[in-house]
C-alpha atoms as a PDB file:
ATOM      1  CA  MET A   1     188.026  42.737  46.009  1.00  0.00           C
ATOM      2  CA  LYS A   2     187.635  42.539  49.776  1.00  0.00           C
ATOM      3  CA  GLN A   3     188.223  46.278  50.111  1.00  0.00           C
ATOM      4  CA  LYS A   4     185.614  47.017  47.431  1.00  0.00           C
ATOM      5  CA  MET A   5     183.074  44.787  49.155  1.00  0.00           C
ATOM      6  CA  GLN A   6     183.837  46.433  52.476  1.00  0.00           C
ATOM      7  CA  ASN A   7     183.243  49.839  50.864  1.00  0.00           C
ATOM      8  CA  LEU A   8     179.931  48.573  49.481  1.00  0.00           C
ATOM      9  CA  ILE A   9     178.898  47.363  52.945  1.00  0.00           C
ATOM     10  CA  GLU A  10     179.725  50.798  54.384  1.00  0.00           C
ATOM     11  CA  ILE A  11     177.635  52.545  51.735  1.00  0.00           C
ATOM     12  CA  LEU A  12     174.723  50.176  52.379  1.00  0.00           C
ATOM     13  CA  ASP A  13     175.022  50.779  56.128  1.00  0.00           C
ATOM     14  CA  LYS A  14     174.811  54.540  55.561  1.00  0.00           C
ATOM     15  CA  GLU A  15     171.714  54.030  53.419  1.00  0.00           C
ATOM     16  CA  LEU A  16     170.129  51.797  56.059  1.00  0.00           C
ATOM     17  CA  LYS A  17     170.827  54.405  58.728  1.00  0.00           C
ATOM     18  CA  ALA A  18     169.266  57.118  56.555  1.00  0.00           C
ATOM     19  CA  TYR A  19     166.173  54.987  55.883  1.00  0.00           C
ATOM     20  CA  THR A  20     165.850  54.215  59.599  1.00  0.00           C
ATOM     21  CA  ASP A  21     166.066  57.937  60.370  1.00  0.00           C
ATOM     22  CA  LEU A  22     163.438  58.625  57.694  1.00  0.00           C
ATOM     23  CA  LYS A  23     161.121  56.072  59.279  1.00  0.00           C
ATOM     24  CA  GLU A  24     161.524  57.796  62.653  1.00  0.00           C
ATOM     25  CA  LEU A  25     160.808  61.214  61.121  1.00  0.00           C
ATOM     26  CA  PHE A  26     157.685  59.879  59.391  1.00  0.00           C
ATOM     27  CA  SER A  27     156.510  58.414  62.718  1.00  0.00           C
ATOM     28  CA  GLU A  28     157.104  61.764  64.378  1.00  0.00           C
ATOM     29  CA  LYS A  29     155.237  63.515  61.565  1.00  0.00           C
ATOM     30  CA  ARG A  30     152.271  61.186  62.050  1.00  0.00           C
ATOM     31  CA  GLU A  31     152.086  62.143  65.723  1.00  0.00           C
ATOM     32  CA  ILE A  32     152.331  65.843  64.892  1.00  0.00           C
ATOM     33  CA  LEU A  33     149.523  65.499  62.346  1.00  0.00           C
ATOM     34  CA  LYS A  34     147.360  63.664  64.868  1.00  0.00           C
ATOM     35  CA  LYS A  35     147.855  66.415  67.440  1.00  0.00           C
ATOM     36  CA  SER A  36     147.435  69.240  64.888  1.00  0.00           C
ATOM     37  CA  ARG A  37     150.696  70.970  65.820  1.00  0.00           C
ATOM     38  CA  SER A  38     151.248  72.812  62.553  1.00  0.00           C
ATOM     39  CA  ASP A  39     154.160  74.893  63.901  1.00  0.00           C
ATOM     40  CA  ASP A  40     156.267  71.768  64.400  1.00  0.00           C
ATOM     41  CA  LEU A  41     155.263  70.386  61.012  1.00  0.00           C
ATOM     42  CA  GLY A  42     157.343  72.867  58.994  1.00  0.00           C
ATOM     43  CA  VAL A  43     160.486  72.148  60.980  1.00  0.00           C
ATOM     44  CA  LEU A  44     159.986  68.413  60.620  1.00  0.00           C
ATOM     45  CA  ASP A  45     159.317  68.667  56.880  1.00  0.00           C
ATOM     46  CA  ASN A  46     162.620  70.528  56.477  1.00  0.00           C
ATOM     47  CA  LYS A  47     164.391  67.678  58.286  1.00  0.00           C
ATOM     48  CA  ILE A  48     162.679  65.143  56.014  1.00  0.00           C
ATOM     49  CA  LEU A  49     163.711  67.080  52.897  1.00  0.00           C
ATOM     50  CA  ALA A  50     167.319  67.304  54.087  1.00  0.00           C
ATOM     51  CA  LEU A  51     167.378  63.581  54.826  1.00  0.00           C
ATOM     52  CA  ASN A  52     165.815  62.840  51.449  1.00  0.00           C
ATOM     53  CA  ASN A  53     168.622  64.798  49.766  1.00  0.00           C
ATOM     54  CA  LYS A  54     171.130  62.752  51.753  1.00  0.00           C
ATOM     55  CA  ILE A  55     169.440  59.509  50.653  1.00  0.00           C
ATOM     56  CA  VAL A  56     169.548  60.617  47.001  1.00  0.00           C
ATOM     57  CA  LYS A  57     173.291  61.284  47.307  1.00  0.00           C
ATOM     58  CA  LEU A  58     173.869  57.912  48.975  1.00  0.00           C
ATOM     59  CA  ASN A  59     171.898  56.162  46.227  1.00  0.00           C
ATOM     60  CA  LYS A  60     173.999  57.872  43.552  1.00  0.00           C
ATOM     61  CA  GLN A  61     177.164  56.928  45.439  1.00  0.00           C
ATOM     62  CA  ARG A  62     176.039  53.287  45.566  1.00  0.00           C
ATOM     63  CA  GLU A  63     175.063  53.315  41.883  1.00  0.00           C
ATOM     64  CA  THR A  64     178.426  54.786  40.869  1.00  0.00           C
ATOM     65  CA  PHE A  65     180.264  52.272  43.018  1.00  0.00           C
ATOM     66  CA  SER A  66     178.165  49.454  41.569  1.00  0.00           C
ATOM     67  CA  VAL A  67     178.990  50.435  38.000  1.00  0.00           C
ATOM     68  CA  GLU A  68     182.708  50.650  38.840  1.00  0.00           C
ATOM     69  CA  MET A  69     182.674  47.291  40.585  1.00  0.00           C
ATOM     70  CA  THR A  70     180.361  45.197  38.383  1.00  0.00           C
ATOM     71  CA  GLY A  71     179.923  47.203  35.196  1.00  0.00           C
ATOM     72  CA  LYS A  72     176.209  47.837  35.821  1.00  0.00           C
ATOM     73  CA  ASN A  73     173.820  49.324  38.366  1.00  0.00           C
ATOM     74  CA  CYS A  74     173.005  46.394  40.637  1.00  0.00           C
ATOM     75  CA  ASN A  75     170.180  45.759  43.029  1.00  0.00           C
ATOM     76  CA  MET A  76     170.741  43.840  46.269  1.00  0.00           C
ATOM     77  CA  SER A  77     170.100  40.428  44.711  1.00  0.00           C
ATOM     78  CA  GLU A  78     172.666  41.140  42.007  1.00  0.00           C
ATOM     79  CA  PHE A  79     175.175  42.299  44.637  1.00  0.00           C
ATOM     80  CA  ILE A  80     174.665  39.009  46.454  1.00  0.00           C
ATOM     81  CA  GLU A  81     175.150  37.022  43.238  1.00  0.00           C
ATOM     82  CA  PHE A  82     178.301  39.019  42.504  1.00  0.00           C
ATOM     83  CA  ALA A  83     179.603  38.346  46.019  1.00  0.00           C
ATOM     84  CA  GLU A  84     178.877  34.612  45.702  1.00  0.00           C
ATOM     85  CA  GLN A  85     181.170  34.487  42.683  1.00  0.00           C
ATOM     86  CA  ASN A  86     183.860  36.973  43.732  1.00  0.00           C
ATOM     87  CA  ALA A  87     183.820  37.403  47.524  1.00  0.00           C
ATOM     88  CA  PRO A  88     181.882  34.629  49.303  1.00  0.00           C
ATOM     89  CA  ASP A  89     182.877  35.986  52.732  1.00  0.00           C
ATOM     90  CA  PHE A  90     180.526  38.955  52.207  1.00  0.00           C
ATOM     91  CA  VAL A  91     177.411  37.068  51.099  1.00  0.00           C
ATOM     92  CA  LYS A  92     175.948  36.796  54.611  1.00  0.00           C
ATOM     93  CA  GLN A  93     176.528  40.498  55.323  1.00  0.00           C
ATOM     94  CA  LEU A  94     174.816  41.485  52.075  1.00  0.00           C
ATOM     95  CA  GLU A  95     171.896  39.143  52.731  1.00  0.00           C
ATOM     96  CA  ASP A  96     171.431  40.649  56.205  1.00  0.00           C
ATOM     97  CA  ARG A  97     171.319  44.153  54.754  1.00  0.00           C
ATOM     98  CA  LYS A  98     168.870  43.045  52.060  1.00  0.00           C
ATOM     99  CA  VAL A  99     166.516  41.695  54.733  1.00  0.00           C
ATOM    100  CA  LYS A 100     166.750  44.959  56.682  1.00  0.00           C
ATOM    101  CA  ILE A 101     166.075  47.056  53.591  1.00  0.00           C
ATOM    102  CA  CYS A 102     163.172  44.822  52.540  1.00  0.00           C
ATOM    103  CA  LYS A 103     161.669  45.263  56.001  1.00  0.00           C
ATOM    104  CA  LEU A 104     162.198  49.045  56.202  1.00  0.00           C
ATOM    105  CA  ILE A 105     160.820  50.065  52.812  1.00  0.00           C
ATOM    106  CA  PRO A 106     157.230  48.805  53.368  1.00  0.00           C
ATOM    107  CA  GLU A 107     157.203  50.359  56.860  1.00  0.00           C
ATOM    108  CA  ILE A 108     158.300  53.723  55.446  1.00  0.00           C
ATOM    109  CA  THR A 109     155.738  53.466  52.650  1.00  0.00           C
ATOM    110  CA  LEU A 110     152.955  52.679  55.129  1.00  0.00           C
ATOM    111  CA  LEU A 111     153.898  55.613  57.363  1.00  0.00           C
ATOM    112  CA  ASN A 112     154.074  57.943  54.381  1.00  0.00           C
ATOM    113  CA  ASN A 113     150.641  56.798  53.156  1.00  0.00           C
ATOM    114  CA  GLN A 114     149.186  57.310  56.636  1.00  0.00           C
ATOM    115  CA  ASN A 115     150.658  60.816  56.739  1.00  0.00           C
ATOM    116  CA  VAL A 116     149.134  61.625  53.345  1.00  0.00           C
ATOM    117  CA  GLU A 117     145.716  60.464  54.549  1.00  0.00           C
ATOM    118  CA  LEU A 118     146.056  62.503  57.741  1.00  0.00           C
ATOM    119  CA  LEU A 119     146.965  65.560  55.663  1.00  0.00           C
ATOM    120  CA  LYS A 120     143.945  65.014  53.404  1.00  0.00           C
ATOM    121  CA  HIS A 121     141.691  64.712  56.449  1.00  0.00           C
ATOM    122  CA  GLY A 122     143.241  67.844  57.958  1.00  0.00           C
ATOM    123  CA  ILE A 123     142.541  69.768  54.763  1.00  0.00           C
ATOM    124  CA  ILE A 124     138.888  68.666  54.805  1.00  0.00           C
ATOM    125  CA  ILE A 125     138.502  69.700  58.454  1.00  0.00           C
ATOM    126  CA  THR A 126     140.218  73.038  57.813  1.00  0.00           C
ATOM    127  CA  ASN A 127     137.956  73.748  54.842  1.00  0.00           C
ATOM    128  CA  LYS A 128     134.859  73.002  56.925  1.00  0.00           C
ATOM    129  CA  MET A 129     136.103  75.254  59.725  1.00  0.00           C
ATOM    130  CA  LEU A 130     136.780  78.067  57.229  1.00  0.00           C
ATOM    131  CA  GLU A 131     133.316  77.683  55.722  1.00  0.00           C
ATOM    132  CA  THR A 132     131.800  77.925  59.194  1.00  0.00           C
ATOM    133  CA  VAL A 133     133.791  81.047  60.051  1.00  0.00           C
ATOM    134  CA  ILE A 134     133.017  82.694  56.720  1.00  0.00           C
ATOM    135  CA  ASP A 135     129.313  81.891  57.048  1.00  0.00           C
ATOM    136  CA  ALA A 136     129.247  83.290  60.585  1.00  0.00           C
ATOM    137  CA  PHE A 137     130.873  86.608  59.669  1.00  0.00           C
ATOM    138  CA  ALA A 138     129.546  87.112  56.162  1.00  0.00           C
ATOM    139  CA  PRO A 139     127.050  89.974  55.857  1.00  0.00           C
ATOM    140  CA  GLN A 140     123.519  88.680  55.814  1.00  0.00           C
ATOM    141  CA  GLY A 141     121.123  89.783  53.139  1.00  0.00           C
ATOM    142  CA  SER A 142     117.872  91.387  54.150  1.00  0.00           C
ATOM    143  CA  TYR A 143     115.230  88.912  55.115  1.00  0.00           C
ATOM    144  CA  TYR A 144     111.685  90.168  55.376  1.00  0.00           C
ATOM    145  CA  ASN A 145     109.154  88.744  57.771  1.00  0.00           C
ATOM    146  CA  GLY A 146     105.440  88.528  57.305  1.00  0.00           C
ATOM    147  CA  ALA A 147     104.958  92.158  58.381  1.00  0.00           C
ATOM    148  CA  GLY A 148     107.293  93.410  55.637  1.00  0.00           C
ATOM    149  CA  LYS A 149     110.061  94.345  58.047  1.00  0.00           C
ATOM    150  CA  ALA A 150     113.693  93.283  57.865  1.00  0.00           C
ATOM    151  CA  ASP A 151     114.216  90.182  59.923  1.00  0.00           C
ATOM    152  CA  THR A 152     117.411  90.315  61.950  1.00  0.00           C
ATOM    153  CA  HIS A 153     116.949  86.807  63.319  1.00  0.00           C
ATOM    154  CA  ASP A 154     116.274  88.297  66.742  1.00  0.00           C
ATOM    155  CA  ILE A 155     113.015  87.733  68.548  1.00  0.00           C
ATOM    156  CA  ASP A 156     110.791  90.452  67.236  1.00  0.00           C
ATOM    157  CA  MET A 157     108.532  91.941  69.862  1.00  0.00           C
ATOM    158  CA  TRP A 158     105.954  93.139  67.331  1.00  0.00           C
ATOM    159  CA  THR A 159     104.560  89.620  66.846  1.00  0.00           C
ATOM    160  CA  ILE A 160     103.945  89.255  70.544  1.00  0.00           C
ATOM    161  CA  SER A 161     102.260  92.666  70.882  1.00  0.00           C
ATOM    162  CA  LYS A 162     100.163  92.095  67.751  1.00  0.00           C
ATOM    163  CA  GLU A 163      98.798  88.834  69.103  1.00  0.00           C
ATOM    164  CA  ILE A 164      97.910  90.458  72.435  1.00  0.00           C
END
């Protein structure tokens, strides 16, 4: 049983490391979004996707191990209860990891939500910039002034000479 619990601790440590790395990548992404460095964003998103795939594999590994060890897919509280009954020496280690996970998950969620809001804001700004560029370079229709001539939005000299 001790070896199984030690294996569980190792799996949880790998998951914690992956979640910590994800938090760092989300922090880095937030800074990139703030500074509008879109070239770096693609590279960072690829790192996040690769890490996410690693986290999915670690979760499946933990779930499989949990089913083999306890007969069901356990959460951290259930692992602690199982350890209390079968391996009391590992209860403290599991509780420590639960605290770390419970602290990391809200931080990751907050960073992710901030990144989503920054992306939404960036899209709004980009759309406004595109509208401005399109409006500036779009062909203008013919506008006629009071004299029946096409108005090119330049200062027409004819009004000055007519008044004189």
